[in-house]
């Protein structure tokens, strides 16, 4: 069977833009290094600054002749400490700390950005500060304050995050700023909009409705970072277009010892519902300052890919780190090495199982992930069957490419989620669809203008020969419809270059 070229990496890379890489030359360098989607963190900066950055990304994408997506990440109802005297406070184990309604009058009194907090905490509740490094337990709620005892001490700074594991809050899913940022994202043509601290599928649907009523085709990303989200995971995954395993806050909201298995649980659920999934937070965190990752970080990236992640995200590593390009290159190297071994191992496993049982194990040489239990919205069962059949045929014929023609991109998702052994090219004449395809595992987005099958094949062959992806005599599989452009996919065609 054919093996993907060394330069082809299937796992997609999402990189956060910040002061370290905001310039146009830096963005171009990151695209060249392998970034597929850029993240704009709306918790920092103004709309005007983000508009300038998005415009730069579009110019860089056009100059590179490569579709690059933009993910607008809404800040969500993040609770933060208020201002502390001198900007810093030391929480000593066993000491008392109070959350107060009004201006603090003592060094051990804190305020937060969430006014009803004093009313909604109860004795026995846990309060985590500074990404979980400082832990408090509520001892008593009074009329104007909540008394807490420090269980795990440490230093806290002004505006650091406050997590409340297991505490049911009345805070709304989208603040006024989030609504304003979402409306801007719709107007600016963002490709993805993520909703932070999701607790129910209703919140996801509300954001979808907001975007659609403003003419946006952006896909909604549900960030899983609350206990409530895990309790209603299937419904949230079903409602979302994309899911993010947001391990930063999630690792504080739940027992960190359970985080690895929860990550696997979320990814498996996304496979069931045929939804792309991003794994995020501290993937190569030490590379904010180091030129090499730790061995644990390299293993973490590899394990996320083996779990079934479609994309891995870089946060501070590219936003404020010392080596943005190096970290992207490193993630790409880890992904490439992992995928080559993964593909080889899966082929060997499937071959062994086929030899032991005439019924096999539900996989073929062309498919490395089981079939989803539910089809992604907009995908016809016939299309799914044709995509799966094309993958098997491509593997059996030792084809070089599977080409998927798609207006909306859902056919590319269907191909992507089976993790086929033969590389996939997603073709479309819709720029927004191509930018969204940039997030899907194993899919190379390619712009086409033609709708005729013969013209499409000619275009693919010219591109493949020019880029080195194809040689004379190679076979390709085209998945399209007898009326390509009308949404139907009822044809799998074998073509020899």
Protein backbone atom coordinates (compact mmCIF):
# COMPACT_ATOMS: atom_id res chain seq x y z
CA UNK A 1 0.00 0.00 0.00
CA UNK A 2 1.10 3.58 -0.58
CA UNK A 3 2.47 5.53 2.36
CA UNK A 4 1.78 9.27 2.64
CA UNK A 5 4.73 11.44 1.73
CA UNK A 6 6.92 12.59 4.62
CA UNK A 7 5.81 16.19 4.13
CA UNK A 8 2.11 15.38 4.56
CA UNK A 9 0.83 15.84 8.12
CA UNK A 10 -2.79 14.93 8.73
CA UNK A 11 -3.30 16.45 12.20
CA UNK A 12 -4.15 20.13 11.99
CA UNK A 13 -2.46 22.88 14.01
CA UNK A 14 -4.38 25.76 15.61
CA UNK A 15 -2.17 28.65 16.77
CA UNK A 16 -3.17 31.57 19.00
CA UNK A 17 -2.19 35.03 17.80
CA UNK A 18 -0.65 37.41 20.32
CA UNK A 19 2.12 39.98 20.67
CA UNK A 20 4.78 37.41 19.72
CA UNK A 21 3.36 36.74 16.26
CA UNK A 22 0.87 39.46 15.33
CA UNK A 23 2.96 40.98 12.53
CA UNK A 24 2.30 39.98 8.94
CA UNK A 25 5.76 38.50 8.42
CA UNK A 26 5.41 36.41 11.58
CA UNK A 27 1.99 35.14 10.51
CA UNK A 28 3.33 34.22 7.09
CA UNK A 29 6.20 32.35 8.75
CA UNK A 30 3.76 30.37 10.90
CA UNK A 31 1.64 29.44 7.89
CA UNK A 32 4.78 28.25 6.14
CA UNK A 33 5.68 26.22 9.25
CA UNK A 34 2.31 24.46 9.22
CA UNK A 35 -0.45 26.47 10.95
CA UNK A 36 -3.89 25.62 9.54
CA UNK A 37 -6.14 27.80 11.73
CA UNK A 38 -5.37 30.96 13.71
CA UNK A 39 -7.16 31.68 16.99
CA UNK A 40 -8.14 35.19 18.05
CA UNK A 41 -8.57 35.32 21.83
CA UNK A 42 -11.30 37.89 22.46
CA UNK A 43 -10.44 38.02 26.18
CA UNK A 44 -7.56 40.30 25.20
CA UNK A 45 -7.45 43.27 22.85
CA UNK A 46 -10.06 45.43 21.14
CA UNK A 47 -12.31 44.62 18.18
CA UNK A 48 -10.31 47.09 16.09
CA UNK A 49 -7.07 45.24 16.89
CA UNK A 50 -8.64 41.87 16.10
CA UNK A 51 -10.00 43.21 12.80
CA UNK A 52 -6.51 44.30 11.79
CA UNK A 53 -5.15 40.88 12.73
CA UNK A 54 -7.87 39.03 10.81
CA UNK A 55 -7.15 41.18 7.74
CA UNK A 56 -3.47 40.24 8.01
CA UNK A 57 -4.34 36.54 8.18
CA UNK A 58 -6.45 36.83 5.04
CA UNK A 59 -3.62 38.61 3.18
CA UNK A 60 -1.11 35.99 4.31
CA UNK A 61 -3.46 33.18 3.27
CA UNK A 62 -3.97 34.71 -0.18
CA UNK A 63 -0.24 35.26 -0.66
CA UNK A 64 0.49 31.64 0.25
CA UNK A 65 -2.36 30.41 -2.00
CA UNK A 66 -3.44 28.26 0.94
CA UNK A 67 -6.78 28.40 2.79
CA UNK A 68 -6.19 29.27 6.45
CA UNK A 69 -9.07 29.39 8.92
CA UNK A 70 -9.76 31.94 11.66
CA UNK A 71 -11.25 30.91 15.02
CA UNK A 72 -12.77 33.71 17.10
CA UNK A 73 -12.68 32.55 20.73
CA UNK A 74 -15.28 34.30 22.90
CA UNK A 75 -14.14 35.02 26.45
CA UNK A 76 -17.28 33.65 28.08
CA UNK A 77 -18.33 34.09 31.73
CA UNK A 78 -14.84 33.74 33.18
CA UNK A 79 -14.83 34.77 36.84
CA UNK A 80 -11.71 36.68 37.92
CA UNK A 81 -10.37 38.21 41.09
CA UNK A 82 -10.65 41.95 41.46
CA UNK A 83 -7.69 44.23 42.02
CA UNK A 84 -5.46 43.30 44.97
CA UNK A 85 -3.39 45.79 46.99
CA UNK A 86 -0.01 45.81 45.32
CA UNK A 87 -1.37 43.38 42.72
CA UNK A 88 -0.36 40.31 44.78
CA UNK A 89 -1.57 38.42 47.87
CA UNK A 90 -0.22 35.39 49.71
CA UNK A 91 -2.74 32.76 50.80
CA UNK A 92 -1.27 30.85 53.74
CA UNK A 93 -2.48 27.33 54.40
CA UNK A 94 -5.00 27.29 57.27
CA UNK A 95 -5.59 31.05 57.12
CA UNK A 96 -8.95 32.72 56.52
CA UNK A 97 -9.84 34.46 53.24
CA UNK A 98 -13.11 36.31 52.63
CA UNK A 99 -14.97 37.18 49.43
CA UNK A 100 -16.80 40.49 50.01
CA UNK A 101 -19.42 42.46 48.10
CA UNK A 102 -17.84 45.87 48.44
CA UNK A 103 -14.34 47.26 48.37
CA UNK A 104 -12.01 45.09 50.48
CA UNK A 105 -10.92 46.63 53.78
CA UNK A 106 -8.26 44.06 54.74
CA UNK A 107 -5.46 42.13 53.03
CA UNK A 108 -7.38 38.85 53.30
CA UNK A 109 -10.52 40.22 51.60
CA UNK A 110 -11.08 39.60 47.89
CA UNK A 111 -13.62 40.77 45.35
CA UNK A 112 -14.46 39.13 42.00
CA UNK A 113 -15.89 40.16 38.65
CA UNK A 114 -19.02 38.10 39.43
CA UNK A 115 -21.21 40.17 41.74
CA UNK A 116 -23.65 37.39 42.86
CA UNK A 117 -20.80 35.13 44.07
CA UNK A 118 -21.42 35.92 47.74
CA UNK A 119 -25.05 34.79 47.35
CA UNK A 120 -24.34 31.60 45.41
CA UNK A 121 -21.55 30.00 47.45
CA UNK A 122 -22.43 27.67 50.31
CA UNK A 123 -20.55 26.01 53.17
CA UNK A 124 -18.46 23.12 51.86
CA UNK A 125 -18.01 24.51 48.34
CA UNK A 126 -14.52 24.50 46.85
CA UNK A 127 -12.95 27.61 45.37
CA UNK A 128 -9.85 27.31 43.18
CA UNK A 129 -7.61 30.27 42.37
CA UNK A 130 -4.66 30.78 40.03
CA UNK A 131 -5.35 27.79 37.73
CA UNK A 132 -5.95 25.52 40.69
CA UNK A 133 -2.65 26.16 42.44
CA UNK A 134 -4.47 27.75 45.41
CA UNK A 135 -7.44 25.94 46.96
CA UNK A 136 -10.06 27.25 49.41
CA UNK A 137 -13.10 25.71 51.08
CA UNK A 138 -16.15 27.76 52.09
CA UNK A 139 -16.80 27.65 55.85
CA UNK A 140 -19.62 30.17 56.26
CA UNK A 141 -21.79 32.54 54.22
CA UNK A 142 -22.75 35.81 55.89
CA UNK A 143 -24.85 38.70 54.67
CA UNK A 144 -21.99 40.68 53.17
CA UNK A 145 -19.23 38.08 52.79
CA UNK A 146 -18.22 34.45 52.43
CA UNK A 147 -15.61 33.10 54.86
CA UNK A 148 -13.16 30.56 53.39
CA UNK A 149 -10.25 28.55 54.75
CA UNK A 150 -7.08 28.06 52.69
CA UNK A 151 -6.56 24.34 52.04
CA UNK A 152 -3.62 24.71 49.66
CA UNK A 153 -1.65 27.91 49.90
CA UNK A 154 0.19 30.05 47.39
CA UNK A 155 0.38 33.46 45.79
CA UNK A 156 -2.46 34.99 43.79
CA UNK A 157 -2.45 38.05 41.53
CA UNK A 158 -5.04 40.58 40.50
CA UNK A 159 -7.40 39.42 37.71
CA UNK A 160 -6.44 35.76 38.00
CA UNK A 161 -9.16 33.20 37.33
CA UNK A 162 -11.57 31.82 39.91
CA UNK A 163 -12.92 28.27 39.43
CA UNK A 164 -15.82 26.84 41.40
CA UNK A 165 -15.92 23.05 40.87
CA UNK A 166 -19.42 21.68 41.26
CA UNK A 167 -20.99 25.05 42.14
CA UNK A 168 -24.16 25.85 40.17
CA UNK A 169 -24.04 29.49 39.09
CA UNK A 170 -26.70 31.71 37.55
CA UNK A 171 -24.17 33.47 35.31
CA UNK A 172 -25.30 33.72 31.67
CA UNK A 173 -23.33 31.85 28.99
CA UNK A 174 -22.64 34.99 26.95
CA UNK A 175 -21.91 38.40 28.41
CA UNK A 176 -22.69 41.66 26.63
CA UNK A 177 -19.09 41.69 25.39
CA UNK A 178 -19.48 38.14 24.06
CA UNK A 179 -22.59 39.15 22.09
CA UNK A 180 -20.77 42.13 20.66
CA UNK A 181 -17.75 39.99 19.75
CA UNK A 182 -19.94 37.31 18.15
CA UNK A 183 -21.72 39.91 16.03
CA UNK A 184 -18.36 41.27 14.92
CA UNK A 185 -17.15 37.74 14.10
CA UNK A 186 -20.22 37.20 11.91
CA UNK A 187 -19.71 40.50 10.11
CA UNK A 188 -15.97 39.95 9.69
CA UNK A 189 -16.38 36.51 8.10
CA UNK A 190 -14.82 34.37 10.85
CA UNK A 191 -14.71 30.67 10.01
CA UNK A 192 -15.21 29.35 13.55
CA UNK A 193 -16.61 30.94 16.72
CA UNK A 194 -16.02 29.18 20.03
CA UNK A 195 -18.22 29.37 23.10
CA UNK A 196 -16.40 29.18 26.43
CA UNK A 197 -17.66 27.43 29.59
CA UNK A 198 -20.51 25.65 27.82
CA UNK A 199 -22.98 24.06 30.24
CA UNK A 200 -25.87 22.98 28.00
CA UNK A 201 -26.74 22.45 24.31
CA UNK A 202 -29.17 25.38 24.51
CA UNK A 203 -26.23 27.78 24.84
CA UNK A 204 -24.63 26.32 21.71
CA UNK A 205 -27.85 26.62 19.71
CA UNK A 206 -28.31 30.26 20.82
CA UNK A 207 -24.86 31.16 19.46
CA UNK A 208 -25.64 29.30 16.23
CA UNK A 209 -28.86 31.24 15.84
CA UNK A 210 -27.11 34.54 16.52
CA UNK A 211 -24.57 33.84 13.79
CA UNK A 212 -27.09 32.57 11.23
CA UNK A 213 -29.42 35.54 11.66
CA UNK A 214 -26.46 37.77 10.82
CA UNK A 215 -25.63 35.87 7.67
CA UNK A 216 -22.61 33.99 9.02
CA UNK A 217 -21.61 30.46 7.98
CA UNK A 218 -19.16 30.15 10.86
CA UNK A 219 -19.05 26.79 12.61
CA UNK A 220 -19.65 26.88 16.36
CA UNK A 221 -17.01 25.33 18.62
CA UNK A 222 -18.20 24.11 22.04
CA UNK A 223 -15.40 24.34 24.61
CA UNK A 224 -15.70 21.60 27.20
CA UNK A 225 -14.32 23.05 30.43
CA UNK A 226 -17.10 22.67 33.02
CA UNK A 227 -18.38 19.70 35.02
CA UNK A 228 -21.89 20.50 33.76
CA UNK A 229 -20.66 20.02 30.18
CA UNK A 230 -19.44 16.51 30.98
CA UNK A 231 -22.79 15.71 32.59
CA UNK A 232 -24.57 16.63 29.33
CA UNK A 233 -21.75 15.78 26.93
CA UNK A 234 -23.67 13.85 24.25
CA UNK A 235 -26.26 16.60 23.78
CA UNK A 236 -23.62 19.32 23.64
CA UNK A 237 -21.50 17.41 21.09
CA UNK A 238 -24.61 16.80 18.98
CA UNK A 239 -25.50 20.52 19.03
CA UNK A 240 -21.98 21.78 18.24
CA UNK A 241 -20.20 21.82 14.89
CA UNK A 242 -16.77 21.37 16.48
CA UNK A 243 -15.68 20.50 20.03
CA UNK A 244 -12.64 21.68 21.98
CA UNK A 245 -11.17 19.80 24.93
CA UNK A 246 -10.22 22.96 26.87
CA UNK A 247 -7.95 21.33 29.43
CA UNK A 248 -6.95 24.53 31.26
CA UNK A 249 -10.15 25.25 33.16
CA UNK A 250 -11.45 21.68 32.83
CA UNK A 251 -8.37 20.40 34.64
CA UNK A 252 -9.30 22.67 37.57
CA UNK A 253 -13.04 21.98 37.50
CA UNK A 254 -12.47 18.22 37.79
CA UNK A 255 -9.87 16.05 39.51
CA UNK A 256 -6.72 16.50 37.43
CA UNK A 257 -5.97 12.79 37.88
CA UNK A 258 -9.03 12.00 35.76
CA UNK A 259 -8.17 14.47 32.99
CA UNK A 260 -6.48 11.95 30.62
CA UNK A 261 -9.47 9.62 30.61
CA UNK A 262 -11.95 12.50 30.31
CA UNK A 263 -10.03 13.67 27.22
CA UNK A 264 -10.46 10.22 25.71
CA UNK A 265 -14.15 10.19 26.64
CA UNK A 266 -14.79 13.52 24.89
CA UNK A 267 -12.89 12.47 21.75
CA UNK A 268 -14.81 9.17 21.58
CA UNK A 269 -18.09 11.07 21.85
CA UNK A 270 -17.03 13.31 18.97
CA UNK A 271 -16.29 10.20 16.91
CA UNK A 272 -19.79 8.87 17.64
CA UNK A 273 -21.36 12.12 16.44
CA UNK A 274 -18.89 12.71 13.58
CA UNK A 275 -17.67 16.05 14.94
CA UNK A 276 -14.13 17.45 14.58
CA UNK A 277 -12.36 17.83 17.92
CA UNK A 278 -9.50 20.09 19.04
CA UNK A 279 -7.27 19.30 22.03
CA UNK A 280 -5.97 22.45 23.72
CA UNK A 281 -3.88 23.86 26.58
CA UNK A 282 -0.26 23.33 27.62
CA UNK A 283 0.53 20.96 24.77
CA UNK A 284 4.06 22.32 24.37
CA UNK A 285 3.94 24.82 27.21
CA UNK A 286 7.64 24.72 28.12
CA UNK A 287 8.44 25.98 24.62
CA UNK A 288 7.20 29.42 25.58
CA UNK A 289 10.82 29.87 26.62
CA UNK A 290 12.66 26.64 25.75
CA UNK A 291 13.70 25.66 22.24
CA UNK A 292 12.75 22.04 22.93
CA UNK A 293 9.68 20.49 24.56
CA UNK A 294 9.79 18.14 27.50
CA UNK A 295 9.46 14.44 26.78
CA UNK A 296 6.10 14.46 28.57
CA UNK A 297 4.81 17.23 26.29
CA UNK A 298 5.88 15.39 23.13
CA UNK A 299 4.13 12.30 24.44
CA UNK A 300 1.03 14.35 25.27
CA UNK A 301 0.74 15.61 21.68
CA UNK A 302 1.26 12.11 20.31
CA UNK A 303 -1.35 10.61 22.65
CA UNK A 304 -3.92 13.25 21.68
CA UNK A 305 -3.43 12.27 18.04
CA UNK A 306 -3.67 8.56 18.85
CA UNK A 307 -6.86 9.27 20.85
CA UNK A 308 -8.41 10.71 17.67
CA UNK A 309 -7.90 14.48 17.89
CA UNK A 310 -8.39 16.27 14.57
CA UNK A 311 -6.31 19.25 15.66
CA UNK A 312 -3.97 20.33 18.45
CA UNK A 313 -3.92 23.92 19.68
CA UNK A 314 -1.09 26.18 20.76
CA UNK A 315 -1.94 29.02 23.14
CA UNK A 316 0.76 30.97 24.98
CA UNK A 317 3.40 29.06 23.00
CA UNK A 318 2.68 31.18 19.91
CA UNK A 319 0.86 34.16 21.46
CA UNK A 320 3.54 35.28 23.92
CA UNK A 321 6.32 32.71 23.57
CA UNK A 322 9.91 33.27 22.53
CA UNK A 323 9.88 30.80 19.62
CA UNK A 324 6.50 30.79 17.81
CA UNK A 325 7.79 29.24 14.59
CA UNK A 326 9.93 26.64 16.36
CA UNK A 327 6.98 25.42 18.40
CA UNK A 328 4.79 25.03 15.31
CA UNK A 329 7.54 23.13 13.55
CA UNK A 330 7.96 20.89 16.58
CA UNK A 331 4.26 20.10 16.79
CA UNK A 332 4.27 19.27 13.09
CA UNK A 333 7.28 16.99 13.56
CA UNK A 334 5.65 15.14 16.46
CA UNK A 335 2.41 14.78 14.50
CA UNK A 336 4.21 13.47 11.43
CA UNK A 337 6.20 10.89 13.36
CA UNK A 338 3.11 9.77 15.28
CA UNK A 339 0.95 9.45 12.18
CA UNK A 340 3.47 7.38 10.25
CA UNK A 341 3.69 4.84 13.06
CA UNK A 342 -0.06 4.99 13.67
CA UNK A 343 -0.86 4.23 10.02
CA UNK A 344 1.65 1.38 9.93
CA UNK A 345 0.31 -0.10 13.17
CA UNK A 346 -3.33 0.15 12.09
CA UNK A 347 -2.60 -1.54 8.79
CA UNK A 348 -0.85 -4.39 10.57
CA UNK A 349 -3.67 -4.74 13.11
CA UNK A 350 -6.40 -4.78 10.46
CA UNK A 351 -4.46 -7.29 8.37
CA UNK A 352 -4.05 -9.59 11.38
CA UNK A 353 -7.72 -9.35 12.32
CA UNK A 354 -8.84 -10.02 8.75
CA UNK A 355 -6.72 -13.18 8.76
CA UNK A 356 -8.32 -14.44 12.00
CA UNK A 357 -11.94 -13.67 11.22
CA UNK A 358 -13.96 -13.63 8.05
CA UNK A 359 -16.16 -10.92 9.54
CA UNK A 360 -13.25 -8.64 10.47
CA UNK A 361 -13.52 -5.94 13.14
CA UNK A 362 -15.61 -3.30 11.43
CA UNK A 363 -12.59 -1.62 9.82
CA UNK A 364 -10.88 -2.08 6.48
CA UNK A 365 -7.41 -1.33 5.18
CA UNK A 366 -8.69 2.08 4.10
CA UNK A 367 -10.40 3.11 7.36
CA UNK A 368 -8.71 3.48 10.72
CA UNK A 369 -11.64 4.69 12.84
CA UNK A 370 -15.03 3.00 13.31
CA UNK A 371 -18.12 4.30 11.56
CA UNK A 372 -19.95 7.06 13.47
CA UNK A 373 -23.26 6.23 15.15
CA UNK A 374 -24.78 9.52 13.98
CA UNK A 375 -24.16 11.42 10.75
CA UNK A 376 -23.09 15.06 10.87
CA UNK A 377 -25.91 17.50 10.08
CA UNK A 378 -26.43 17.86 6.32
CA UNK A 379 -24.82 14.54 5.37
CA UNK A 380 -26.95 12.06 3.43
CA UNK A 381 -26.51 8.34 4.24
CA UNK A 382 -25.82 7.67 0.54
CA UNK A 383 -22.96 10.18 0.65
CA UNK A 384 -21.50 8.46 3.72
CA UNK A 385 -21.69 5.08 1.99
CA UNK A 386 -20.02 6.42 -1.16
CA UNK A 387 -17.25 8.08 0.88
CA UNK A 388 -16.59 4.87 2.80
CA UNK A 389 -16.63 2.81 -0.38
CA UNK A 390 -14.21 5.19 -2.08
CA UNK A 391 -11.83 4.89 0.86
CA UNK A 392 -11.79 1.11 0.63
CA UNK A 393 -11.34 1.15 -3.14
CA UNK A 394 -8.53 3.71 -2.86
CA UNK A 395 -6.67 1.52 -0.38
CA UNK A 396 -7.12 -1.63 -2.47
CA UNK A 397 -5.94 0.10 -5.66
CA UNK A 398 -2.98 1.75 -3.92
CA UNK A 399 -4.35 5.15 -4.97
CA UNK A 400 -2.42 8.33 -4.18
CA UNK A 401 -5.38 10.59 -3.37
CA UNK A 402 -9.06 10.60 -2.51
CA UNK A 403 -10.64 13.77 -3.88
CA UNK A 404 -13.86 14.93 -2.22
CA UNK A 405 -15.93 17.62 -3.94
CA UNK A 406 -18.01 19.53 -1.40
CA UNK A 407 -20.03 22.73 -1.25
CA UNK A 408 -20.59 22.78 2.50
CA UNK A 409 -17.65 20.68 3.69
CA UNK A 410 -19.71 17.98 5.43
CA UNK A 411 -18.58 15.34 2.92
CA UNK A 412 -14.98 16.20 3.80
CA UNK A 413 -15.86 15.69 7.49
CA UNK A 414 -17.31 12.27 6.67
CA UNK A 415 -14.05 11.29 4.98
CA UNK A 416 -11.88 12.87 7.68
CA UNK A 417 -13.52 11.12 10.65
CA UNK A 418 -12.74 7.65 9.25
CA UNK A 419 -9.01 8.52 9.14
CA UNK A 420 -8.37 6.94 5.78
CA UNK A 421 -4.90 5.67 4.88
CA UNK A 422 -4.95 7.48 1.52
CA UNK A 423 -4.52 11.30 1.73
CA UNK A 424 -7.61 13.40 1.03
CA UNK A 425 -8.02 16.56 -1.03
CA UNK A 426 -11.20 18.56 -0.40
CA UNK A 427 -12.19 20.69 -3.37
CA UNK A 428 -14.74 23.48 -3.41
CA UNK A 429 -15.48 26.79 -5.09
CA UNK A 430 -16.55 28.33 -1.75
CA UNK A 431 -13.68 30.11 0.08
CA UNK A 432 -15.41 29.80 3.47
CA UNK A 433 -15.80 26.04 3.02
CA UNK A 434 -12.13 25.68 2.12
CA UNK A 435 -11.03 27.60 5.22
CA UNK A 436 -13.19 25.36 7.40
CA UNK A 437 -11.77 22.25 5.71
CA UNK A 438 -8.36 23.43 6.95
CA UNK A 439 -9.37 22.12 10.41
CA UNK A 440 -10.37 18.62 9.32
CA UNK A 441 -7.90 15.80 9.91
CA UNK A 442 -6.14 14.63 6.76
CA UNK A 443 -7.96 17.02 4.39
CA UNK A 444 -5.99 19.34 2.09
CA UNK A 445 -8.34 22.13 0.91
CA UNK A 446 -8.05 23.09 -2.77
CA UNK A 447 -9.97 25.80 -4.60
CA UNK A 448 -11.64 24.87 -7.90
CA UNK A 449 -13.93 26.86 -10.15
CA UNK A 450 -15.15 24.12 -12.50
CA UNK A 451 -18.24 21.97 -11.96
CA UNK A 452 -17.76 19.53 -14.84
CA UNK A 453 -16.26 16.19 -13.72
CA UNK A 454 -13.71 16.01 -16.54
CA UNK A 455 -12.55 19.57 -15.93
CA UNK A 456 -12.33 18.86 -12.22
CA UNK A 457 -10.15 15.79 -12.79
CA UNK A 458 -7.92 17.74 -15.17
CA UNK A 459 -7.53 20.49 -12.59
CA UNK A 460 -6.65 17.99 -9.84
CA UNK A 461 -4.10 16.23 -12.03
CA UNK A 462 -2.41 19.50 -13.01
CA UNK A 463 -2.25 20.61 -9.39
CA UNK A 464 -0.97 17.21 -8.21
CA UNK A 465 1.78 17.01 -10.83
CA UNK A 466 2.82 20.60 -10.18
CA UNK A 467 2.93 20.17 -6.39
CA UNK A 468 4.60 16.77 -6.46
CA UNK A 469 1.59 15.04 -4.88
CA UNK A 470 1.01 13.00 -8.06
CA UNK A 471 3.05 11.28 -10.75
CA UNK A 472 2.10 9.89 -14.13
CA UNK A 473 0.33 6.57 -13.72
CA UNK A 474 -0.96 7.30 -10.19
CA UNK A 475 -4.60 6.57 -9.41
CA UNK A 476 -7.00 8.93 -7.70
CA UNK A 477 -10.55 8.40 -6.39
CA UNK A 478 -13.06 11.19 -6.95
CA UNK A 479 -16.14 11.41 -4.74
CA UNK A 480 -18.76 13.69 -6.26
CA UNK A 481 -22.32 13.70 -7.56
CA UNK A 482 -23.70 13.30 -11.01
CA UNK A 483 -24.69 16.92 -10.56
CA UNK A 484 -21.66 18.27 -8.67
CA UNK A 485 -22.55 21.56 -7.08
CA UNK A 486 -26.13 20.55 -6.32
CA UNK A 487 -25.19 18.82 -3.06
CA UNK A 488 -25.43 15.19 -4.17
CA UNK A 489 -22.61 12.70 -3.75
CA UNK A 490 -23.55 9.46 -5.42
CA UNK A 491 -20.45 8.74 -7.47
CA UNK A 492 -16.99 7.32 -6.78
CA UNK A 493 -14.81 7.49 -9.87
CA UNK A 494 -11.35 5.97 -10.37
CA UNK A 495 -8.99 8.00 -12.56
CA UNK A 496 -5.44 7.29 -13.64
CA UNK A 497 -3.16 10.30 -14.07
